[in-house]
Amino acid sequence: ALAREVMRAGGLTGAAFNAAKEAALDAFIDGRIGFLDMASVVADVIEIMSGDGLGKAAITLDSVRQTDQMARRRAAESIEKRQR
């Protein structure tokens, strides 16, 4: 369901989703969060960053890189709250 929302939102939302998903997966593999926590981390990141106008932002290499970095930082914050 979240992936469909991301697709509908468009813009840089997909870049944020992908970065958060990768960060959450790494944390799961490292044993820092549980399997079910991964979806919550990604949802947190999308919710936090959706107010930044991701869906309407211009897609450039720089904007994708910046979005990726910001999403990974937000994911790290969310992961830290959930760590085992």
N, C-alpha and C. Protein backbone atom coordinates (compact mmCIF):
# COMPACT_ATOMS: atom_id res chain seq x y z
N ALA A 1 0.82 -1.20 0.00
CA ALA A 1 0.00 0.00 0.00
C ALA A 1 0.86 1.25 0.00
N LEU A 2 1.93 1.25 0.80
CA LEU A 2 2.79 2.43 0.86
C LEU A 2 3.49 2.66 -0.47
N ALA A 3 3.94 1.60 -1.11
CA ALA A 3 4.61 1.75 -2.41
C ALA A 3 3.66 2.36 -3.44
N ARG A 4 2.40 2.00 -3.39
CA ARG A 4 1.43 2.58 -4.33
C ARG A 4 1.22 4.07 -4.06
N GLU A 5 1.19 4.44 -2.79
CA GLU A 5 1.07 5.86 -2.44
C GLU A 5 2.28 6.63 -2.96
N VAL A 6 3.45 6.03 -2.83
CA VAL A 6 4.68 6.66 -3.30
C VAL A 6 4.62 6.84 -4.81
N MET A 7 4.15 5.83 -5.52
CA MET A 7 4.05 5.94 -6.98
C MET A 7 3.06 7.03 -7.37
N ARG A 8 1.96 7.14 -6.66
CA ARG A 8 0.98 8.18 -6.96
C ARG A 8 1.54 9.57 -6.67
N ALA A 9 2.33 9.69 -5.61
CA ALA A 9 2.88 10.99 -5.23
C ALA A 9 3.87 11.50 -6.27
N GLY A 10 4.66 10.60 -6.83
CA GLY A 10 5.61 10.98 -7.87
C GLY A 10 6.75 11.83 -7.35
N GLY A 11 7.36 12.57 -8.26
CA GLY A 11 8.47 13.44 -7.90
C GLY A 11 9.61 12.66 -7.26
N LEU A 12 10.12 13.22 -6.18
CA LEU A 12 11.25 12.62 -5.48
C LEU A 12 10.83 11.65 -4.38
N THR A 13 9.55 11.40 -4.27
CA THR A 13 9.06 10.50 -3.23
C THR A 13 9.66 9.11 -3.38
N GLY A 14 9.81 8.65 -4.60
CA GLY A 14 10.40 7.33 -4.85
C GLY A 14 11.84 7.25 -4.39
N ALA A 15 12.59 8.33 -4.56
CA ALA A 15 13.98 8.34 -4.10
C ALA A 15 14.04 8.24 -2.58
N ALA A 16 13.15 8.95 -1.90
CA ALA A 16 13.10 8.88 -0.43
C ALA A 16 12.69 7.48 0.02
N PHE A 17 11.70 6.91 -0.64
CA PHE A 17 11.22 5.56 -0.32
C PHE A 17 12.36 4.55 -0.46
N ASN A 18 13.06 4.61 -1.57
CA ASN A 18 14.13 3.65 -1.82
C ASN A 18 15.25 3.77 -0.79
N ALA A 19 15.66 5.00 -0.49
CA ALA A 19 16.74 5.20 0.48
C ALA A 19 16.33 4.70 1.86
N ALA A 20 15.10 5.00 2.27
CA ALA A 20 14.61 4.55 3.58
C ALA A 20 14.52 3.03 3.63
N LYS A 21 14.07 2.44 2.53
CA LYS A 21 13.95 0.98 2.45
C LYS A 21 15.32 0.32 2.57
N GLU A 22 16.31 0.87 1.89
CA GLU A 22 17.66 0.31 1.97
C GLU A 22 18.23 0.44 3.37
N ALA A 23 18.03 1.60 4.00
CA ALA A 23 18.53 1.81 5.36
C ALA A 23 17.85 0.85 6.34
N ALA A 24 16.55 0.68 6.19
CA ALA A 24 15.81 -0.22 7.08
C ALA A 24 16.26 -1.67 6.88
N LEU A 25 16.48 -2.07 5.64
CA LEU A 25 16.94 -3.43 5.38
C LEU A 25 18.32 -3.67 5.98
N ASP A 26 19.22 -2.70 5.84
CA ASP A 26 20.55 -2.84 6.44
C ASP A 26 20.44 -3.00 7.95
N ALA A 27 19.57 -2.21 8.58
CA ALA A 27 19.39 -2.29 10.03
C ALA A 27 18.82 -3.65 10.44
N PHE A 28 17.91 -4.17 9.64
CA PHE A 28 17.35 -5.50 9.92
C PHE A 28 18.42 -6.58 9.79
N ILE A 29 19.18 -6.53 8.72
CA ILE A 29 20.24 -7.53 8.50
C ILE A 29 21.27 -7.48 9.63
N ASP A 30 21.55 -6.27 10.12
CA ASP A 30 22.50 -6.10 11.23
C ASP A 30 21.91 -6.48 12.58
N GLY A 31 20.61 -6.80 12.60
CA GLY A 31 19.96 -7.19 13.85
C GLY A 31 19.57 -6.03 14.75
N ARG A 32 19.57 -4.82 14.20
CA ARG A 32 19.23 -3.64 15.01
C ARG A 32 17.73 -3.41 15.13
N ILE A 33 16.96 -3.88 14.14
CA ILE A 33 15.50 -3.77 14.19
C ILE A 33 14.90 -5.09 13.75
N GLY A 34 13.64 -5.27 14.08
CA GLY A 34 12.93 -6.48 13.67
C GLY A 34 12.41 -6.37 12.25
N PHE A 35 11.98 -7.50 11.72
CA PHE A 35 11.46 -7.55 10.35
C PHE A 35 10.29 -6.59 10.15
N LEU A 36 9.34 -6.60 11.06
CA LEU A 36 8.16 -5.75 10.92
C LEU A 36 8.47 -4.27 11.12
N ASP A 37 9.60 -3.96 11.74
CA ASP A 37 9.99 -2.56 11.92
C ASP A 37 10.38 -1.89 10.60
N MET A 38 10.78 -2.68 9.62
CA MET A 38 11.24 -2.09 8.36
C MET A 38 10.15 -1.23 7.72
N ALA A 39 8.95 -1.73 7.65
CA ALA A 39 7.85 -0.97 7.04
C ALA A 39 7.56 0.30 7.83
N SER A 40 7.66 0.23 9.14
CA SER A 40 7.41 1.40 9.98
C SER A 40 8.46 2.48 9.76
N VAL A 41 9.70 2.06 9.60
CA VAL A 41 10.78 3.02 9.34
C VAL A 41 10.51 3.75 8.03
N VAL A 42 10.20 3.00 6.99
CA VAL A 42 9.95 3.60 5.68
C VAL A 42 8.74 4.54 5.75
N ALA A 43 7.68 4.11 6.40
CA ALA A 43 6.49 4.95 6.53
C ALA A 43 6.80 6.23 7.30
N ASP A 44 7.61 6.13 8.35
CA ASP A 44 8.00 7.32 9.11
C ASP A 44 8.72 8.32 8.21
N VAL A 45 9.66 7.83 7.44
CA VAL A 45 10.45 8.71 6.57
C VAL A 45 9.55 9.39 5.54
N ILE A 46 8.68 8.64 4.91
CA ILE A 46 7.80 9.22 3.89
C ILE A 46 6.88 10.25 4.53
N GLU A 47 6.35 9.94 5.71
CA GLU A 47 5.46 10.89 6.39
C GLU A 47 6.19 12.18 6.76
N ILE A 48 7.39 12.05 7.31
CA ILE A 48 8.17 13.22 7.71
C ILE A 48 8.54 14.06 6.50
N MET A 49 8.98 13.40 5.44
CA MET A 49 9.49 14.14 4.28
C MET A 49 8.41 14.59 3.31
N SER A 50 7.20 14.07 3.44
CA SER A 50 6.14 14.45 2.50
C SER A 50 5.80 15.92 2.59
N GLY A 51 6.03 16.53 3.72
CA GLY A 51 5.79 17.96 3.87
C GLY A 51 6.82 18.82 3.16
N ASP A 52 7.87 18.19 2.66
CA ASP A 52 8.94 18.92 1.97
C ASP A 52 8.66 19.12 0.49
N GLY A 53 7.47 18.77 0.02
CA GLY A 53 7.13 18.95 -1.38
C GLY A 53 7.78 17.95 -2.32
N LEU A 54 8.06 16.76 -1.83
CA LEU A 54 8.74 15.75 -2.65
C LEU A 54 7.99 15.42 -3.93
N GLY A 55 6.68 15.36 -3.84
CA GLY A 55 5.88 14.96 -4.99
C GLY A 55 5.90 15.96 -6.13
N LYS A 56 6.22 17.20 -5.81
CA LYS A 56 6.21 18.25 -6.83
C LYS A 56 7.61 18.74 -7.20
N ALA A 57 8.61 18.20 -6.52
CA ALA A 57 9.98 18.66 -6.73
C ALA A 57 10.51 18.23 -8.09
N ALA A 58 11.37 19.08 -8.64
CA ALA A 58 12.02 18.77 -9.91
C ALA A 58 13.02 17.64 -9.69
N ILE A 59 13.06 16.72 -10.64
CA ILE A 59 13.97 15.59 -10.52
C ILE A 59 15.25 15.90 -11.29
N THR A 60 16.30 16.13 -10.52
CA THR A 60 17.64 16.34 -11.07
C THR A 60 18.58 15.40 -10.32
N LEU A 61 19.77 15.22 -10.83
CA LEU A 61 20.72 14.36 -10.15
C LEU A 61 21.01 14.88 -8.74
N ASP A 62 21.18 16.20 -8.62
CA ASP A 62 21.44 16.79 -7.31
C ASP A 62 20.27 16.61 -6.36
N SER A 63 19.06 16.81 -6.85
CA SER A 63 17.89 16.68 -5.97
C SER A 63 17.69 15.24 -5.52
N VAL A 64 17.99 14.29 -6.40
CA VAL A 64 17.88 12.88 -6.02
C VAL A 64 18.92 12.55 -4.96
N ARG A 65 20.14 13.03 -5.15
CA ARG A 65 21.20 12.78 -4.15
C ARG A 65 20.84 13.39 -2.80
N GLN A 66 20.37 14.63 -2.83
CA GLN A 66 20.00 15.30 -1.58
C GLN A 66 18.85 14.58 -0.88
N THR A 67 17.87 14.17 -1.66
CA THR A 67 16.72 13.45 -1.09
C THR A 67 17.18 12.12 -0.50
N ASP A 68 18.05 11.43 -1.20
CA ASP A 68 18.58 10.16 -0.71
C ASP A 68 19.29 10.35 0.63
N GLN A 69 20.14 11.35 0.71
CA GLN A 69 20.89 11.61 1.94
C GLN A 69 19.95 11.97 3.09
N MET A 70 18.98 12.83 2.83
CA MET A 70 18.04 13.24 3.87
C MET A 70 17.21 12.05 4.34
N ALA A 71 16.74 11.23 3.41
CA ALA A 71 15.93 10.07 3.77
C ALA A 71 16.73 9.09 4.62
N ARG A 72 17.99 8.91 4.28
CA ARG A 72 18.83 8.01 5.08
C ARG A 72 19.05 8.56 6.49
N ARG A 73 19.19 9.88 6.62
CA ARG A 73 19.32 10.48 7.95
C ARG A 73 18.04 10.29 8.75
N ARG A 74 16.91 10.54 8.10
CA ARG A 74 15.61 10.37 8.79
C ARG A 74 15.40 8.90 9.16
N ALA A 75 15.79 8.00 8.28
CA ALA A 75 15.65 6.57 8.58
C ALA A 75 16.52 6.19 9.77
N ALA A 76 17.73 6.73 9.83
CA ALA A 76 18.62 6.43 10.95
C ALA A 76 17.99 6.88 12.27
N GLU A 77 17.32 8.03 12.25
CA GLU A 77 16.64 8.52 13.45
C GLU A 77 15.51 7.57 13.85
N SER A 78 14.75 7.13 12.87
CA SER A 78 13.64 6.21 13.13
C SER A 78 14.15 4.86 13.62
N ILE A 79 15.23 4.39 13.04
CA ILE A 79 15.83 3.11 13.43
C ILE A 79 16.34 3.20 14.87
N GLU A 80 16.97 4.30 15.20
CA GLU A 80 17.52 4.48 16.55
C GLU A 80 16.42 4.34 17.61
N LYS A 81 15.24 4.85 17.31
CA LYS A 81 14.12 4.76 18.26
C LYS A 81 13.65 3.32 18.44
N ARG A 82 13.87 2.48 17.44
CA ARG A 82 13.35 1.11 17.46
C ARG A 82 14.40 0.06 17.80
N GLN A 83 15.64 0.47 17.94
CA GLN A 83 16.72 -0.52 18.11
C GLN A 83 16.46 -1.47 19.27
N ARG A 84 16.88 -2.69 19.06
CA ARG A 84 16.72 -3.76 20.06
C ARG A 84 17.73 -3.62 21.16
